[in-house]
Amino acid sequence: MHEKYNVFECGIVELAKIRNRAGNITVVENEFHIPFQIKRVYYLYDVPGGESRAGHAHRNLETFVIAASGSFDVLIDDGVTRKTIALNRPNYALHIKQGIWREIHNFSSGAVCLALASELYEEADYIRDYDEFKTYRGA
């Protein structure tokens, strides 16, 4: 069984913002800015108003979630404690550890949710049923 993290071990990581008169840039490098090798990158966009995304946990995968544009809220849950974190700045990332349930809500118009993942897609890594998640967590 894997180490079980709690929501207090997930948190915001401020990434450097390099300012320039022509615009800002933020860089994310494997194992320097982010504590794992990035094996997959994906992004959510054009999410209709009122819709939610995610609604799952991962057994092995950890993620950096970034509001590349716009804003949204991320609910994280360890089976005991729930915490909602608003993301609205492209140089801030939410580091979600393994075994944490996540739901993404309240997408602003034009929001882009960028995810940097530690693992390639593997369906067996997902826990998509909340009751199964609670059992997995021993809650």
Protein backbone atom coordinates (compact mmCIF):
# COMPACT_ATOMS: atom_id res chain seq x y z
CA MET A 1 0.00 0.00 0.00
CA HIS A 2 1.24 3.49 -0.84
CA GLU A 3 1.84 6.28 1.65
CA LYS A 4 -1.43 8.10 2.30
CA TYR A 5 -1.15 11.86 2.09
CA ASN A 6 -3.66 14.32 3.49
CA VAL A 7 -5.00 17.57 2.05
CA PHE A 8 -2.56 19.57 4.21
CA GLU A 9 0.34 17.99 2.32
CA CYS A 10 -1.07 19.32 -0.96
CA GLY A 11 -0.54 22.99 -1.52
CA ILE A 12 0.15 25.98 -3.65
CA VAL A 13 3.59 26.32 -5.19
CA GLU A 14 4.56 29.77 -6.42
CA LEU A 15 6.48 29.55 -9.66
CA ALA A 16 8.81 32.34 -10.74
CA LYS A 17 7.31 35.06 -12.90
CA ILE A 18 9.88 36.66 -15.18
CA ARG A 19 8.59 40.09 -16.06
CA ASN A 20 9.29 41.73 -19.39
CA ARG A 21 7.74 44.74 -21.10
CA ALA A 22 6.65 42.35 -23.85
CA GLY A 23 4.89 40.01 -21.38
CA ASN A 24 5.62 37.60 -18.57
CA ILE A 25 6.97 34.07 -18.66
CA THR A 26 6.87 31.27 -16.10
CA VAL A 27 9.07 28.20 -16.50
CA VAL A 28 8.49 24.73 -15.02
CA GLU A 29 11.37 22.25 -15.17
CA ASN A 30 11.37 18.57 -14.17
CA GLU A 31 12.66 17.91 -10.66
CA PHE A 32 13.67 21.56 -10.21
CA HIS A 33 10.42 23.52 -9.99
CA ILE A 34 8.33 20.38 -9.76
CA PRO A 35 9.23 17.40 -7.53
CA PHE A 36 8.72 14.73 -10.19
CA GLN A 37 9.43 13.96 -13.84
CA ILE A 38 6.55 15.23 -15.99
CA LYS A 39 5.32 12.28 -18.04
CA ARG A 40 2.04 13.74 -19.29
CA VAL A 41 0.64 17.20 -19.95
CA TYR A 42 -3.03 17.89 -20.60
CA TYR A 43 -5.37 20.83 -20.37
CA LEU A 44 -9.06 21.46 -19.92
CA TYR A 45 -10.77 24.31 -21.75
CA ASP A 46 -14.17 25.40 -23.08
CA VAL A 47 -15.79 23.93 -19.95
CA PRO A 48 -19.46 25.01 -20.04
CA GLY A 49 -20.73 27.16 -17.17
CA GLY A 50 -21.85 25.14 -14.18
CA GLU A 51 -19.95 22.00 -15.20
CA SER A 52 -17.38 20.20 -13.06
CA ARG A 53 -14.36 18.14 -14.07
CA ALA A 54 -12.18 15.51 -12.43
CA GLY A 55 -14.18 13.75 -9.70
CA HIS A 56 -11.54 11.10 -9.08
CA ALA A 57 -8.35 10.19 -7.22
CA HIS A 58 -5.16 8.47 -8.35
CA ARG A 59 -3.32 5.65 -6.64
CA ASN A 60 0.13 6.63 -7.98
CA LEU A 61 -0.08 9.80 -10.04
CA GLU A 62 0.60 13.24 -8.60
CA THR A 63 -0.27 16.44 -10.42
CA PHE A 64 0.54 20.12 -10.66
CA VAL A 65 -2.65 21.98 -11.63
CA ILE A 66 -2.31 25.51 -13.02
CA ALA A 67 -4.88 28.08 -14.10
CA ALA A 68 -3.07 28.95 -17.33
CA SER A 69 -5.91 31.38 -18.08
CA GLY A 70 -8.97 32.45 -16.12
CA SER A 71 -9.91 30.86 -12.82
CA PHE A 72 -11.49 27.81 -11.20
CA ASP A 73 -11.75 26.13 -7.81
CA VAL A 74 -10.18 22.79 -6.93
CA LEU A 75 -11.71 20.74 -4.14
CA ILE A 76 -9.26 18.27 -2.61
CA ASP A 77 -10.35 15.55 -0.20
CA ASP A 78 -8.39 12.95 1.77
CA GLY A 79 -11.45 11.05 2.99
CA VAL A 80 -11.57 13.00 6.26
CA THR A 81 -10.87 16.63 5.38
CA ARG A 82 -12.06 18.60 2.35
CA LYS A 83 -10.42 21.83 1.22
CA THR A 84 -11.22 24.14 -1.70
CA ILE A 85 -8.43 26.13 -3.34
CA ALA A 86 -9.06 28.92 -5.84
CA LEU A 87 -6.61 29.06 -8.73
CA ASN A 88 -6.48 32.27 -10.73
CA ARG A 89 -2.83 33.12 -11.42
CA PRO A 90 -0.73 31.35 -14.06
CA ASN A 91 2.40 31.39 -11.89
CA TYR A 92 0.75 29.44 -9.05
CA ALA A 93 0.32 25.66 -9.14
CA LEU A 94 -1.58 23.33 -6.86
CA HIS A 95 0.44 20.21 -6.10
CA ILE A 96 -1.99 17.32 -5.60
CA LYS A 97 -0.37 14.24 -4.12
CA GLN A 98 -1.29 10.59 -4.72
CA GLY A 99 -4.49 9.24 -3.16
CA ILE A 100 -6.26 12.62 -2.95
CA TRP A 101 -9.75 13.04 -4.43
CA ARG A 102 -10.09 16.11 -6.65
CA GLU A 103 -12.97 17.98 -8.25
CA ILE A 104 -12.69 21.14 -10.33
CA HIS A 105 -15.58 23.65 -10.25
CA ASN A 106 -16.50 27.26 -11.02
CA PHE A 107 -14.64 27.68 -14.28
CA SER A 108 -14.57 31.28 -15.44
CA SER A 109 -15.26 32.08 -19.07
CA GLY A 110 -12.16 31.25 -21.11
CA ALA A 111 -10.48 29.31 -18.28
CA VAL A 112 -7.70 26.91 -19.18
CA CYS A 113 -6.70 24.29 -16.60
CA LEU A 114 -3.18 22.98 -17.28
CA ALA A 115 -2.18 19.70 -15.62
CA LEU A 116 1.37 18.37 -15.34
CA ALA A 117 1.26 14.71 -14.36
CA SER A 118 3.88 12.35 -12.94
CA GLU A 119 2.61 9.28 -14.83
CA LEU A 120 1.33 8.29 -18.23
CA TYR A 121 -2.40 7.62 -18.55
CA GLU A 122 -3.35 4.31 -16.96
CA GLU A 123 -7.02 3.62 -16.28
CA ALA A 124 -6.19 1.23 -13.41
CA ASP A 125 -4.61 4.16 -11.51
CA TYR A 126 -7.96 6.00 -11.31
CA ILE A 127 -10.46 5.72 -8.47
CA ARG A 128 -13.63 7.16 -10.01
CA ASP A 129 -16.19 6.10 -7.40
CA TYR A 130 -16.25 8.15 -4.17
CA ASP A 131 -17.35 5.19 -2.01
CA GLU A 132 -14.45 3.13 -3.42
CA PHE A 133 -12.17 6.08 -2.63
CA LYS A 134 -13.38 6.17 0.98
CA THR A 135 -12.69 2.42 1.27
CA TYR A 136 -9.23 2.90 -0.30
CA ARG A 137 -8.48 5.62 2.24
CA GLY A 138 -9.81 3.52 5.11
CA ALA A 139 -12.26 6.30 6.00
